[in-house]
Amino acid sequence: MNKNHLSEKEQFKEILNQEEISRIENIELRDIRMKYWHLRHEAFLDEHNISDQKLEQIIEELRQKEMREVKRFRNDV
């Protein structure tokens, strides 16, 4: 493994930033993590159109969906 890549444990952390995501070696996993990062970012940018409570709910739902996808992927590895 390239030392610039995240470790197995690190790449499955619940929250990653863009730089960390870019260091995930497996392209499929990187794409999953980046997809949800973008969805959360878009929700945050639209915060002026939704209440804080609704934003929190959306972010939590996206986090749960991401973890389900990541878990399925991880189980396949």
PDB file of N, CA and C in Angstrom:
ATOM      1  N   MET A   1       0.847  -1.181   0.000  1.00  0.00           N
ATOM      2  CA  MET A   1       0.000   0.000   0.000  1.00  0.00           C
ATOM      3  C   MET A   1       0.891   1.243   0.000  1.00  0.00           C
ATOM      4  N   ASN A   2       0.541   2.182  -0.806  1.00  0.00           N
ATOM      5  CA  ASN A   2       1.249   3.458  -0.879  1.00  0.00           C
ATOM      6  C   ASN A   2       1.060   4.184   0.453  1.00  0.00           C
ATOM      7  N   LYS A   3       2.118   4.755   0.980  1.00  0.00           N
ATOM      8  CA  LYS A   3       2.005   5.405   2.285  1.00  0.00           C
ATOM      9  C   LYS A   3       1.120   6.652   2.246  1.00  0.00           C
ATOM     10  N   ASN A   4       0.795   7.138   1.061  1.00  0.00           N
ATOM     11  CA  ASN A   4      -0.112   8.274   0.940  1.00  0.00           C
ATOM     12  C   ASN A   4      -1.577   7.856   1.041  1.00  0.00           C
ATOM     13  N   HIS A   5      -1.844   6.568   0.905  1.00  0.00           N
ATOM     14  CA  HIS A   5      -3.221   6.087   1.002  1.00  0.00           C
ATOM     15  C   HIS A   5      -3.626   5.932   2.467  1.00  0.00           C
ATOM     16  N   LEU A   6      -4.919   6.048   2.695  1.00  0.00           N
ATOM     17  CA  LEU A   6      -5.427   5.834   4.052  1.00  0.00           C
ATOM     18  C   LEU A   6      -5.334   4.359   4.410  1.00  0.00           C
ATOM     19  N   SER A   7      -5.195   4.093   5.677  1.00  0.00           N
ATOM     20  CA  SER A   7      -5.199   2.703   6.144  1.00  0.00           C
ATOM     21  C   SER A   7      -6.617   2.146   6.028  1.00  0.00           C
ATOM     22  N   GLU A   8      -6.729   0.849   6.150  1.00  0.00           N
ATOM     23  CA  GLU A   8      -8.039   0.186   6.114  1.00  0.00           C
ATOM     24  C   GLU A   8      -8.979   0.818   7.149  1.00  0.00           C
ATOM     25  N   LYS A   9      -8.485   1.005   8.345  1.00  0.00           N
ATOM     26  CA  LYS A   9      -9.301   1.577   9.421  1.00  0.00           C
ATOM     27  C   LYS A   9      -9.704   3.012   9.107  1.00  0.00           C
ATOM     28  N   GLU A  10      -8.754   3.811   8.645  1.00  0.00           N
ATOM     29  CA  GLU A  10      -9.022   5.223   8.369  1.00  0.00           C
ATOM     30  C   GLU A  10     -10.050   5.427   7.269  1.00  0.00           C
ATOM     31  N   GLN A  11     -10.014   4.620   6.218  1.00  0.00           N
ATOM     32  CA  GLN A  11     -10.921   4.833   5.097  1.00  0.00           C
ATOM     33  C   GLN A  11     -12.372   4.502   5.432  1.00  0.00           C
ATOM     34  N   PHE A  12     -12.597   3.810   6.543  1.00  0.00           N
ATOM     35  CA  PHE A  12     -13.959   3.475   6.954  1.00  0.00           C
ATOM     36  C   PHE A  12     -14.440   4.323   8.133  1.00  0.00           C
ATOM     37  N   LYS A  13     -13.687   5.367   8.473  1.00  0.00           N
ATOM     38  CA  LYS A  13     -14.157   6.287   9.519  1.00  0.00           C
ATOM     39  C   LYS A  13     -15.484   6.890   9.069  1.00  0.00           C
ATOM     40  N   GLU A  14     -16.300   7.258  10.026  1.00  0.00           N
ATOM     41  CA  GLU A  14     -17.623   7.792   9.706  1.00  0.00           C
ATOM     42  C   GLU A  14     -17.552   9.106   8.944  1.00  0.00           C
ATOM     43  N   ILE A  15     -16.626   9.964   9.312  1.00  0.00           N
ATOM     44  CA  ILE A  15     -16.522  11.270   8.665  1.00  0.00           C
ATOM     45  C   ILE A  15     -15.118  11.452   8.108  1.00  0.00           C
ATOM     46  N   LEU A  16     -15.069  11.786   6.816  1.00  0.00           N
ATOM     47  CA  LEU A  16     -13.810  12.072   6.148  1.00  0.00           C
ATOM     48  C   LEU A  16     -13.930  13.404   5.425  1.00  0.00           C
ATOM     49  N   ASN A  17     -12.821  14.122   5.325  1.00  0.00           N
ATOM     50  CA  ASN A  17     -12.832  15.338   4.518  1.00  0.00           C
ATOM     51  C   ASN A  17     -12.405  14.990   3.092  1.00  0.00           C
ATOM     52  N   GLN A  18     -12.461  15.966   2.192  1.00  0.00           N
ATOM     53  CA  GLN A  18     -12.141  15.713   0.789  1.00  0.00           C
ATOM     54  C   GLN A  18     -10.716  15.194   0.598  1.00  0.00           C
ATOM     55  N   GLU A  19      -9.776  15.748   1.325  1.00  0.00           N
ATOM     56  CA  GLU A  19      -8.386  15.318   1.195  1.00  0.00           C
ATOM     57  C   GLU A  19      -8.244  13.849   1.600  1.00  0.00           C
ATOM     58  N   GLU A  20      -8.896  13.477   2.692  1.00  0.00           N
ATOM     59  CA  GLU A  20      -8.840  12.078   3.137  1.00  0.00           C
ATOM     60  C   GLU A  20      -9.499  11.163   2.106  1.00  0.00           C
ATOM     61  N   ILE A  21     -10.635  11.574   1.599  1.00  0.00           N
ATOM     62  CA  ILE A  21     -11.336  10.768   0.596  1.00  0.00           C
ATOM     63  C   ILE A  21     -10.450  10.556  -0.625  1.00  0.00           C
ATOM     64  N   SER A  22      -9.753  11.586  -1.037  1.00  0.00           N
ATOM     65  CA  SER A  22      -8.884  11.470  -2.219  1.00  0.00           C
ATOM     66  C   SER A  22      -7.749  10.476  -1.997  1.00  0.00           C
ATOM     67  N   ARG A  23      -7.455  10.146  -0.747  1.00  0.00           N
ATOM     68  CA  ARG A  23      -6.377   9.211  -0.416  1.00  0.00           C
ATOM     69  C   ARG A  23      -6.861   7.774  -0.246  1.00  0.00           C
ATOM     70  N   ILE A  24      -8.136   7.509  -0.540  1.00  0.00           N
ATOM     71  CA  ILE A  24      -8.646   6.131  -0.489  1.00  0.00           C
ATOM     72  C   ILE A  24      -8.178   5.427  -1.754  1.00  0.00           C
ATOM     73  N   GLU A  25      -7.523   4.319  -1.579  1.00  0.00           N
ATOM     74  CA  GLU A  25      -6.916   3.618  -2.714  1.00  0.00           C
ATOM     75  C   GLU A  25      -7.966   3.016  -3.651  1.00  0.00           C
ATOM     76  N   ASN A  26      -8.984   2.391  -3.103  1.00  0.00           N
ATOM     77  CA  ASN A  26      -9.994   1.723  -3.922  1.00  0.00           C
ATOM     78  C   ASN A  26     -10.923   2.757  -4.561  1.00  0.00           C
ATOM     79  N   ILE A  27     -10.992   2.771  -5.860  1.00  0.00           N
ATOM     80  CA  ILE A  27     -11.772   3.768  -6.597  1.00  0.00           C
ATOM     81  C   ILE A  27     -13.260   3.682  -6.276  1.00  0.00           C
ATOM     82  N   GLU A  28     -13.804   2.484  -6.181  1.00  0.00           N
ATOM     83  CA  GLU A  28     -15.240   2.338  -5.879  1.00  0.00           C
ATOM     84  C   GLU A  28     -15.580   2.934  -4.518  1.00  0.00           C
ATOM     85  N   LEU A  29     -14.783   2.618  -3.531  1.00  0.00           N
ATOM     86  CA  LEU A  29     -15.016   3.142  -2.188  1.00  0.00           C
ATOM     87  C   LEU A  29     -14.833   4.660  -2.176  1.00  0.00           C
ATOM     88  N   ARG A  30     -13.808   5.127  -2.870  1.00  0.00           N
ATOM     89  CA  ARG A  30     -13.573   6.573  -2.953  1.00  0.00           C
ATOM     90  C   ARG A  30     -14.787   7.271  -3.578  1.00  0.00           C
ATOM     91  N   ASP A  31     -15.344   6.696  -4.624  1.00  0.00           N
ATOM     92  CA  ASP A  31     -16.520   7.282  -5.285  1.00  0.00           C
ATOM     93  C   ASP A  31     -17.735   7.329  -4.357  1.00  0.00           C
ATOM     94  N   ILE A  32     -17.951   6.276  -3.583  1.00  0.00           N
ATOM     95  CA  ILE A  32     -19.062   6.248  -2.629  1.00  0.00           C
ATOM     96  C   ILE A  32     -18.887   7.359  -1.600  1.00  0.00           C
ATOM     97  N   ARG A  33     -17.693   7.439  -1.024  1.00  0.00           N
ATOM     98  CA  ARG A  33     -17.448   8.440   0.013  1.00  0.00           C
ATOM     99  C   ARG A  33     -17.578   9.860  -0.555  1.00  0.00           C
ATOM    100  N   MET A  34     -17.091  10.081  -1.772  1.00  0.00           N
ATOM    101  CA  MET A  34     -17.157  11.409  -2.381  1.00  0.00           C
ATOM    102  C   MET A  34     -18.601  11.777  -2.743  1.00  0.00           C
ATOM    103  N   LYS A  35     -19.373  10.804  -3.186  1.00  0.00           N
ATOM    104  CA  LYS A  35     -20.781  11.052  -3.521  1.00  0.00           C
ATOM    105  C   LYS A  35     -21.514  11.624  -2.308  1.00  0.00           C
ATOM    106  N   TYR A  36     -21.337  11.011  -1.170  1.00  0.00           N
ATOM    107  CA  TYR A  36     -22.041  11.483   0.024  1.00  0.00           C
ATOM    108  C   TYR A  36     -21.451  12.773   0.571  1.00  0.00           C
ATOM    109  N   TRP A  37     -20.147  12.976   0.383  1.00  0.00           N
ATOM    110  CA  TRP A  37     -19.567  14.251   0.779  1.00  0.00           C
ATOM    111  C   TRP A  37     -20.222  15.373  -0.011  1.00  0.00           C
ATOM    112  N   HIS A  38     -20.389  15.171  -1.316  1.00  0.00           N
ATOM    113  CA  HIS A  38     -21.018  16.189  -2.169  1.00  0.00           C
ATOM    114  C   HIS A  38     -22.487  16.415  -1.790  1.00  0.00           C
ATOM    115  N   LEU A  39     -23.212  15.347  -1.515  1.00  0.00           N
ATOM    116  CA  LEU A  39     -24.625  15.486  -1.130  1.00  0.00           C
ATOM    117  C   LEU A  39     -24.770  16.278   0.172  1.00  0.00           C
ATOM    118  N   ARG A  40     -23.913  15.996   1.145  1.00  0.00           N
ATOM    119  CA  ARG A  40     -23.958  16.753   2.399  1.00  0.00           C
ATOM    120  C   ARG A  40     -23.568  18.211   2.168  1.00  0.00           C
ATOM    121  N   HIS A  41     -22.589  18.434   1.334  1.00  0.00           N
ATOM    122  CA  HIS A  41     -22.142  19.786   1.015  1.00  0.00           C
ATOM    123  C   HIS A  41     -23.258  20.576   0.329  1.00  0.00           C
ATOM    124  N   GLU A  42     -23.952  19.946  -0.617  1.00  0.00           N
ATOM    125  CA  GLU A  42     -25.071  20.601  -1.298  1.00  0.00           C
ATOM    126  C   GLU A  42     -26.183  20.949  -0.312  1.00  0.00           C
ATOM    127  N   ALA A  43     -26.477  20.046   0.606  1.00  0.00           N
ATOM    128  CA  ALA A  43     -27.505  20.318   1.612  1.00  0.00           C
ATOM    129  C   ALA A  43     -27.084  21.509   2.478  1.00  0.00           C
ATOM    130  N   PHE A  44     -25.829  21.541   2.862  1.00  0.00           N
ATOM    131  CA  PHE A  44     -25.333  22.643   3.680  1.00  0.00           C
ATOM    132  C   PHE A  44     -25.434  23.973   2.926  1.00  0.00           C
ATOM    133  N   LEU A  45     -25.092  23.968   1.645  1.00  0.00           N
ATOM    134  CA  LEU A  45     -25.161  25.192   0.847  1.00  0.00           C
ATOM    135  C   LEU A  45     -26.596  25.696   0.701  1.00  0.00           C
ATOM    136  N   ASP A  46     -27.561  24.786   0.818  1.00  0.00           N
ATOM    137  CA  ASP A  46     -28.978  25.149   0.688  1.00  0.00           C
ATOM    138  C   ASP A  46     -29.606  25.452   2.046  1.00  0.00           C
ATOM    139  N   GLU A  47     -28.781  25.622   3.067  1.00  0.00           N
ATOM    140  CA  GLU A  47     -29.287  25.793   4.431  1.00  0.00           C
ATOM    141  C   GLU A  47     -30.200  27.001   4.591  1.00  0.00           C
ATOM    142  N   HIS A  48     -30.043  28.023   3.758  1.00  0.00           N
ATOM    143  CA  HIS A  48     -30.904  29.202   3.887  1.00  0.00           C
ATOM    144  C   HIS A  48     -32.344  28.908   3.446  1.00  0.00           C
ATOM    145  N   ASN A  49     -32.562  27.798   2.743  1.00  0.00           N
ATOM    146  CA  ASN A  49     -33.901  27.408   2.302  1.00  0.00           C
ATOM    147  C   ASN A  49     -34.565  26.378   3.211  1.00  0.00           C
ATOM    148  N   ILE A  50     -33.811  25.866   4.177  1.00  0.00           N
ATOM    149  CA  ILE A  50     -34.368  24.853   5.079  1.00  0.00           C
ATOM    150  C   ILE A  50     -33.996  25.186   6.525  1.00  0.00           C
ATOM    151  N   SER A  51     -34.797  24.701   7.433  1.00  0.00           N
ATOM    152  CA  SER A  51     -34.541  24.959   8.858  1.00  0.00           C
ATOM    153  C   SER A  51     -33.316  24.178   9.326  1.00  0.00           C
ATOM    154  N   ASP A  52     -32.735  24.624  10.428  1.00  0.00           N
ATOM    155  CA  ASP A  52     -31.593  23.917  11.002  1.00  0.00           C
ATOM    156  C   ASP A  52     -31.959  22.478  11.353  1.00  0.00           C
ATOM    157  N   GLN A  53     -33.155  22.299  11.887  1.00  0.00           N
ATOM    158  CA  GLN A  53     -33.605  20.959  12.266  1.00  0.00           C
ATOM    159  C   GLN A  53     -33.693  20.056  11.035  1.00  0.00           C
ATOM    160  N   LYS A  54     -34.248  20.583   9.948  1.00  0.00           N
ATOM    161  CA  LYS A  54     -34.372  19.804   8.719  1.00  0.00           C
ATOM    162  C   LYS A  54     -32.987  19.502   8.146  1.00  0.00           C
ATOM    163  N   LEU A  55     -32.081  20.474   8.213  1.00  0.00           N
ATOM    164  CA  LEU A  55     -30.721  20.262   7.731  1.00  0.00           C
ATOM    165  C   LEU A  55     -30.051  19.136   8.521  1.00  0.00           C
ATOM    166  N   GLU A  56     -30.188  19.166   9.828  1.00  0.00           N
ATOM    167  CA  GLU A  56     -29.617  18.103  10.664  1.00  0.00           C
ATOM    168  C   GLU A  56     -30.191  16.747  10.282  1.00  0.00           C
ATOM    169  N   GLN A  57     -31.486  16.702  10.027  1.00  0.00           N
ATOM    170  CA  GLN A  57     -32.151  15.451   9.639  1.00  0.00           C
ATOM    171  C   GLN A  57     -31.607  14.949   8.297  1.00  0.00           C
ATOM    172  N   ILE A  58     -31.459  15.839   7.349  1.00  0.00           N
ATOM    173  CA  ILE A  58     -30.945  15.466   6.028  1.00  0.00           C
ATOM    174  C   ILE A  58     -29.518  14.945   6.140  1.00  0.00           C
ATOM    175  N   ILE A  59     -28.685  15.653   6.884  1.00  0.00           N
ATOM    176  CA  ILE A  59     -27.288  15.244   7.061  1.00  0.00           C
ATOM    177  C   ILE A  59     -27.215  13.866   7.717  1.00  0.00           C
ATOM    178  N   GLU A  60     -28.034  13.637   8.731  1.00  0.00           N
ATOM    179  CA  GLU A  60     -28.046  12.338   9.417  1.00  0.00           C
ATOM    180  C   GLU A  60     -28.514  11.226   8.486  1.00  0.00           C
ATOM    181  N   GLU A  61     -29.545  11.482   7.693  1.00  0.00           N
ATOM    182  CA  GLU A  61     -30.036  10.473   6.738  1.00  0.00           C
ATOM    183  C   GLU A  61     -28.955  10.131   5.713  1.00  0.00           C
ATOM    184  N   LEU A  62     -28.264  11.140   5.215  1.00  0.00           N
ATOM    185  CA  LEU A  62     -27.182  10.904   4.258  1.00  0.00           C
ATOM    186  C   LEU A  62     -26.049  10.113   4.901  1.00  0.00           C
ATOM    187  N   ARG A  63     -25.718  10.433   6.145  1.00  0.00           N
ATOM    188  CA  ARG A  63     -24.662   9.705   6.857  1.00  0.00           C
ATOM    189  C   ARG A  63     -25.021   8.231   7.001  1.00  0.00           C
ATOM    190  N   GLN A  64     -26.282   7.969   7.358  1.00  0.00           N
ATOM    191  CA  GLN A  64     -26.724   6.584   7.510  1.00  0.00           C
ATOM    192  C   GLN A  64     -26.694   5.828   6.184  1.00  0.00           C
ATOM    193  N   LYS A  65     -27.143   6.468   5.123  1.00  0.00           N
ATOM    194  CA  LYS A  65     -27.101   5.836   3.800  1.00  0.00           C
ATOM    195  C   LYS A  65     -25.667   5.536   3.388  1.00  0.00           C
ATOM    196  N   GLU A  66     -24.784   6.499   3.630  1.00  0.00           N
ATOM    197  CA  GLU A  66     -23.379   6.296   3.288  1.00  0.00           C
ATOM    198  C   GLU A  66     -22.809   5.114   4.055  1.00  0.00           C
ATOM    199  N   MET A  67     -23.076   5.047   5.337  1.00  0.00           N
ATOM    200  CA  MET A  67     -22.530   3.956   6.152  1.00  0.00           C
ATOM    201  C   MET A  67     -23.075   2.596   5.693  1.00  0.00           C
ATOM    202  N   ARG A  68     -24.337   2.566   5.258  1.00  0.00           N
ATOM    203  CA  ARG A  68     -24.879   1.305   4.725  1.00  0.00           C
ATOM    204  C   ARG A  68     -24.137   0.900   3.457  1.00  0.00           C
ATOM    205  N   GLU A  69     -23.905   1.851   2.569  1.00  0.00           N
ATOM    206  CA  GLU A  69     -23.174   1.537   1.335  1.00  0.00           C
ATOM    207  C   GLU A  69     -21.749   1.118   1.641  1.00  0.00           C
ATOM    208  N   VAL A  70     -21.110   1.830   2.520  1.00  0.00           N
ATOM    209  CA  VAL A  70     -19.733   1.521   2.873  1.00  0.00           C
ATOM    210  C   VAL A  70     -19.661   0.135   3.538  1.00  0.00           C
ATOM    211  N   LYS A  71     -20.625  -0.151   4.400  1.00  0.00           N
ATOM    212  CA  LYS A  71     -20.650  -1.456   5.072  1.00  0.00           C
ATOM    213  C   LYS A  71     -20.826  -2.581   4.069  1.00  0.00           C
ATOM    214  N   ARG A  72     -21.749  -2.409   3.133  1.00  0.00           N
ATOM    215  CA  ARG A  72     -21.936  -3.440   2.101  1.00  0.00           C
ATOM    216  C   ARG A  72     -20.657  -3.613   1.307  1.00  0.00           C
ATOM    217  N   PHE A  73     -20.035  -2.507   0.966  1.00  0.00           N
ATOM    218  CA  PHE A  73     -18.786  -2.577   0.211  1.00  0.00           C
ATOM    219  C   PHE A  73     -17.715  -3.282   1.033  1.00  0.00           C
ATOM    220  N   ARG A  74     -17.617  -2.909   2.277  1.00  0.00           N
ATOM    221  CA  ARG A  74     -16.604  -3.474   3.159  1.00  0.00           C
ATOM    222  C   ARG A  74     -16.819  -4.968   3.339  1.00  0.00           C
ATOM    223  N   ASN A  75     -18.049  -5.395   3.421  1.00  0.00           N
ATOM    224  CA  ASN A  75     -18.351  -6.818   3.552  1.00  0.00           C
ATOM    225  C   ASN A  75     -17.978  -7.601   2.302  1.00  0.00           C
ATOM    226  N   ASP A  76     -17.986  -6.896   1.158  1.00  0.00           N
ATOM    227  CA  ASP A  76     -17.627  -7.549  -0.096  1.00  0.00           C
ATOM    228  C   ASP A  76     -16.120  -7.714  -0.257  1.00  0.00           C
ATOM    229  N   VAL A  77     -15.377  -6.922   0.497  1.00  0.00           N
ATOM    230  CA  VAL A  77     -13.917  -6.926   0.346  1.00  0.00           C
ATOM    231  C   VAL A  77     -13.336  -8.172   0.978  1.00  0.00           C
TER     232      VAL A  77
END
